[in-house]
Amino acid sequence: MLNATVPNPAEPRPDSPLAVDAVVIFPWVPSVLRRFTDAGHPLAIATNQPAFAKGKVSLDVLWQVHARVIDGITREGARLSSSNVCLHRAEDGCVCRKPKPGLLFDALALHPGLDPKRCWMVGDRATDVLAGVAAGVQTALLGDDTGREQRALESAAVLPSFCGADLRDFGRFLLGESGANPRDQ
């Protein structure tokens, strides 16, 4: 959603970048995020990054990759309130790993005056939507694979508040540039 994933033959789906030089920020992301912060929307990252726990990468490299992502998405002036990272594997059962809402609760705690019902969890996986619903925020599901992710959500009887192709669609929706929700079309 923020950056390109990389093929990983050992996994059923592409993976997050495991090297600094593999980080590719989608070109529209920095300007859309800047527009969000300019409009007064606080931004926080909530991301599962289990590569270290799985032995795929050192913790130092994982943090370097994460720093490159943050540098890339903020290069046009977007401001992040926080970056909340879960380093655990799914089988570790921690409270922070999405679909559990711990990362979102951590981000919300930094803004005690915010009404969670007016906040959004924006992601490209069913786990993002499930975490958002559990945290009591609105949810947006973005990406080319929303059909697969929506089927996973339907089995949990959950629907995202918004669906779109990428962050540009959500930006138009959130900033009132288009009243249409692509999910309804």
Protein backbone atom coordinates (compact mmCIF):
# COMPACT_ATOMS: atom_id res chain seq x y z
CA MET A 1 0.00 0.00 0.00
CA LEU A 2 2.91 2.38 0.77
CA ASN A 3 5.67 0.45 -0.95
CA ALA A 4 6.06 -2.37 -3.43
CA THR A 5 6.37 -5.92 -2.18
CA VAL A 6 9.00 -8.29 -3.51
CA PRO A 7 8.54 -11.83 -4.85
CA ASN A 8 9.33 -14.55 -2.34
CA PRO A 9 9.27 -18.09 -3.73
CA ALA A 10 9.17 -19.52 -0.20
CA GLU A 11 5.88 -17.74 0.61
CA PRO A 12 2.47 -17.91 -1.06
CA ARG A 13 2.44 -14.12 -1.48
CA PRO A 14 5.02 -11.41 -2.11
CA ASP A 15 6.91 -10.21 0.94
CA SER A 16 7.97 -6.90 2.43
CA PRO A 17 11.40 -5.76 1.26
CA LEU A 18 14.22 -7.43 3.16
CA ALA A 19 16.98 -5.07 2.02
CA VAL A 20 17.22 -1.28 2.03
CA ASP A 21 17.85 -1.13 -1.71
CA ALA A 22 14.68 -3.19 -2.34
CA VAL A 23 12.41 -0.47 -0.90
CA VAL A 24 10.32 1.15 -3.63
CA ILE A 25 7.76 3.69 -2.45
CA PHE A 26 4.79 4.05 -4.79
CA PRO A 27 5.23 7.48 -6.43
CA TRP A 28 1.84 8.86 -5.36
CA VAL A 29 2.17 7.97 -1.66
CA PRO A 30 4.25 10.94 -0.38
CA SER A 31 1.93 13.57 -1.89
CA VAL A 32 -1.27 11.83 -0.76
CA LEU A 33 0.06 11.50 2.80
CA ARG A 34 1.15 15.14 2.80
CA ARG A 35 -2.37 16.15 1.76
CA PHE A 36 -3.77 14.10 4.67
CA THR A 37 -1.55 15.85 7.21
CA ASP A 38 -2.19 19.24 5.60
CA ALA A 39 -5.92 18.56 6.08
CA GLY A 40 -5.34 17.82 9.78
CA HIS A 41 -5.43 14.03 9.74
CA PRO A 42 -2.80 12.56 12.08
CA LEU A 43 -0.96 9.61 10.50
CA ALA A 44 0.43 6.53 12.18
CA ILE A 45 1.91 3.34 10.81
CA ALA A 46 0.74 -0.02 12.15
CA THR A 47 2.68 -2.83 10.52
CA ASN A 48 3.43 -6.50 11.06
CA GLN A 49 7.11 -7.14 10.27
CA PRO A 50 7.96 -10.71 11.30
CA ALA A 51 11.02 -11.15 9.03
CA PHE A 52 13.45 -10.99 11.95
CA ALA A 53 11.44 -13.48 14.03
CA LYS A 54 11.36 -15.81 11.02
CA GLY A 55 15.14 -15.57 10.60
CA LYS A 56 14.93 -13.88 7.19
CA VAL A 57 16.83 -10.73 8.14
CA SER A 58 18.76 -9.20 11.04
CA LEU A 59 16.97 -6.78 13.35
CA ASP A 60 19.37 -4.03 12.28
CA VAL A 61 18.53 -4.49 8.60
CA LEU A 62 14.82 -4.68 9.38
CA TRP A 63 14.98 -1.28 11.13
CA GLN A 64 17.03 0.16 8.26
CA VAL A 65 14.37 -0.99 5.79
CA HIS A 66 11.64 0.51 7.97
CA ALA A 67 13.55 3.80 8.22
CA ARG A 68 13.87 3.89 4.41
CA VAL A 69 10.09 3.44 4.10
CA ILE A 70 9.45 6.26 6.58
CA ASP A 71 11.95 8.54 4.81
CA GLY A 72 10.33 7.76 1.46
CA ILE A 73 6.74 8.35 2.50
CA THR A 74 7.52 11.61 4.34
CA ARG A 75 9.81 13.14 1.72
CA GLU A 76 7.13 15.60 0.58
CA GLY A 77 6.24 16.83 4.06
CA ALA A 78 3.80 14.29 5.49
CA ARG A 79 4.13 14.04 9.26
CA LEU A 80 3.86 10.75 11.11
CA SER A 81 2.57 10.71 14.67
CA SER A 82 4.04 7.29 15.30
CA SER A 83 5.30 4.13 13.74
CA ASN A 84 4.00 1.02 15.48
CA VAL A 85 5.71 -2.22 14.49
CA CYS A 86 4.98 -5.80 15.54
CA LEU A 87 8.03 -8.02 15.13
CA HIS A 88 6.23 -11.26 16.04
CA ARG A 89 5.18 -14.20 13.92
CA ALA A 90 1.49 -15.14 13.71
CA GLU A 91 2.07 -18.21 15.89
CA ASP A 92 3.56 -16.08 18.69
CA GLY A 93 0.06 -14.94 19.69
CA CYS A 94 1.05 -11.42 20.76
CA VAL A 95 -1.56 -8.69 21.31
CA CYS A 96 0.09 -6.27 18.89
CA ARG A 97 0.13 -8.38 15.74
CA LYS A 98 -2.73 -7.60 13.40
CA PRO A 99 -5.51 -8.80 13.23
CA LYS A 100 -5.37 -8.03 16.95
CA PRO A 101 -5.77 -4.30 17.63
CA GLY A 102 -2.77 -3.65 19.91
CA LEU A 103 -0.81 -1.57 17.39
CA LEU A 104 -3.87 0.56 16.71
CA PHE A 105 -4.57 1.07 20.40
CA ASP A 106 -0.94 2.19 20.81
CA ALA A 107 -1.35 4.72 17.99
CA LEU A 108 -4.70 5.98 19.31
CA ALA A 109 -3.24 6.43 22.81
CA LEU A 110 -0.98 9.16 21.42
CA HIS A 111 -4.08 11.20 20.55
CA PRO A 112 -6.42 10.93 23.54
CA GLY A 113 -8.79 13.56 22.12
CA LEU A 114 -9.44 11.67 18.89
CA ASP A 115 -12.73 9.85 18.49
CA PRO A 116 -11.79 6.36 17.21
CA LYS A 117 -15.02 6.27 15.19
CA ARG A 118 -13.62 9.14 13.10
CA CYS A 119 -10.26 7.41 12.56
CA TRP A 120 -9.30 5.02 9.79
CA MET A 121 -7.22 1.88 9.50
CA VAL A 122 -6.08 1.75 5.88
CA GLY A 123 -4.43 -1.40 4.62
CA ASP A 124 -4.19 -4.03 1.93
CA ARG A 125 -4.93 -7.18 3.93
CA ALA A 126 -7.91 -8.66 5.71
CA THR A 127 -5.85 -8.54 8.92
CA ASP A 128 -5.73 -4.73 8.63
CA VAL A 129 -9.51 -4.51 8.40
CA LEU A 130 -10.00 -6.98 11.26
CA ALA A 131 -7.63 -5.00 13.48
CA GLY A 132 -9.45 -1.78 12.61
CA VAL A 133 -12.85 -3.24 13.42
CA ALA A 134 -11.51 -4.60 16.73
CA ALA A 135 -10.12 -1.14 17.57
CA GLY A 136 -13.42 0.55 16.74
CA VAL A 137 -12.14 2.59 13.77
CA GLN A 138 -13.35 2.81 10.18
CA THR A 139 -11.53 0.62 7.69
CA ALA A 140 -10.28 0.91 4.14
CA LEU A 141 -9.11 -2.05 2.06
CA LEU A 142 -6.87 -1.10 -0.85
CA GLY A 143 -5.06 -3.01 -3.55
CA ASP A 144 -5.26 -5.29 -6.54
CA ASP A 145 -6.02 -8.33 -4.38
CA THR A 146 -9.10 -6.95 -2.62
CA GLY A 147 -11.27 -9.80 -3.93
CA ARG A 148 -9.21 -12.40 -2.12
CA GLU A 149 -9.04 -10.25 1.00
CA GLN A 150 -12.79 -9.53 0.90
CA ARG A 151 -13.53 -13.26 0.74
CA ALA A 152 -11.44 -13.72 3.89
CA LEU A 153 -13.41 -10.92 5.55
CA GLU A 154 -16.76 -12.34 4.48
CA SER A 155 -15.93 -15.57 6.30
CA ALA A 156 -15.50 -13.40 9.41
CA ALA A 157 -18.74 -11.50 8.59
CA VAL A 158 -16.80 -8.22 8.28
CA LEU A 159 -16.82 -5.67 5.48
CA PRO A 160 -14.44 -2.72 5.12
CA SER A 161 -15.94 0.78 5.26
CA PHE A 162 -14.18 1.65 1.97
CA CYS A 163 -12.54 -0.30 -0.87
CA GLY A 164 -10.29 1.11 -3.56
CA ALA A 165 -7.39 0.41 -5.86
CA ASP A 166 -4.76 2.36 -3.93
CA LEU A 167 -4.10 5.28 -1.60
CA ARG A 168 -5.10 7.77 -4.31
CA ASP A 169 -8.66 6.40 -4.30
CA PHE A 170 -8.86 6.64 -0.54
CA GLY A 171 -7.39 10.16 -0.64
CA ARG A 172 -10.06 11.37 -3.04
CA PHE A 173 -12.71 9.82 -0.81
CA LEU A 174 -11.34 11.09 2.52
CA LEU A 175 -10.64 14.58 1.26
CA GLY A 176 -14.07 14.88 -0.34
CA GLU A 177 -12.85 14.98 -3.92
CA SER A 178 -15.19 12.14 -4.84
CA GLY A 179 -18.21 10.99 -2.91
CA ALA A 180 -18.24 7.61 -4.59
CA ASN A 181 -16.94 4.60 -2.75
CA PRO A 182 -15.51 2.18 -5.32
CA ARG A 183 -16.96 -0.67 -3.24
CA ASP A 184 -20.46 0.60 -4.10
CA GLN A 185 -19.88 0.87 -7.85
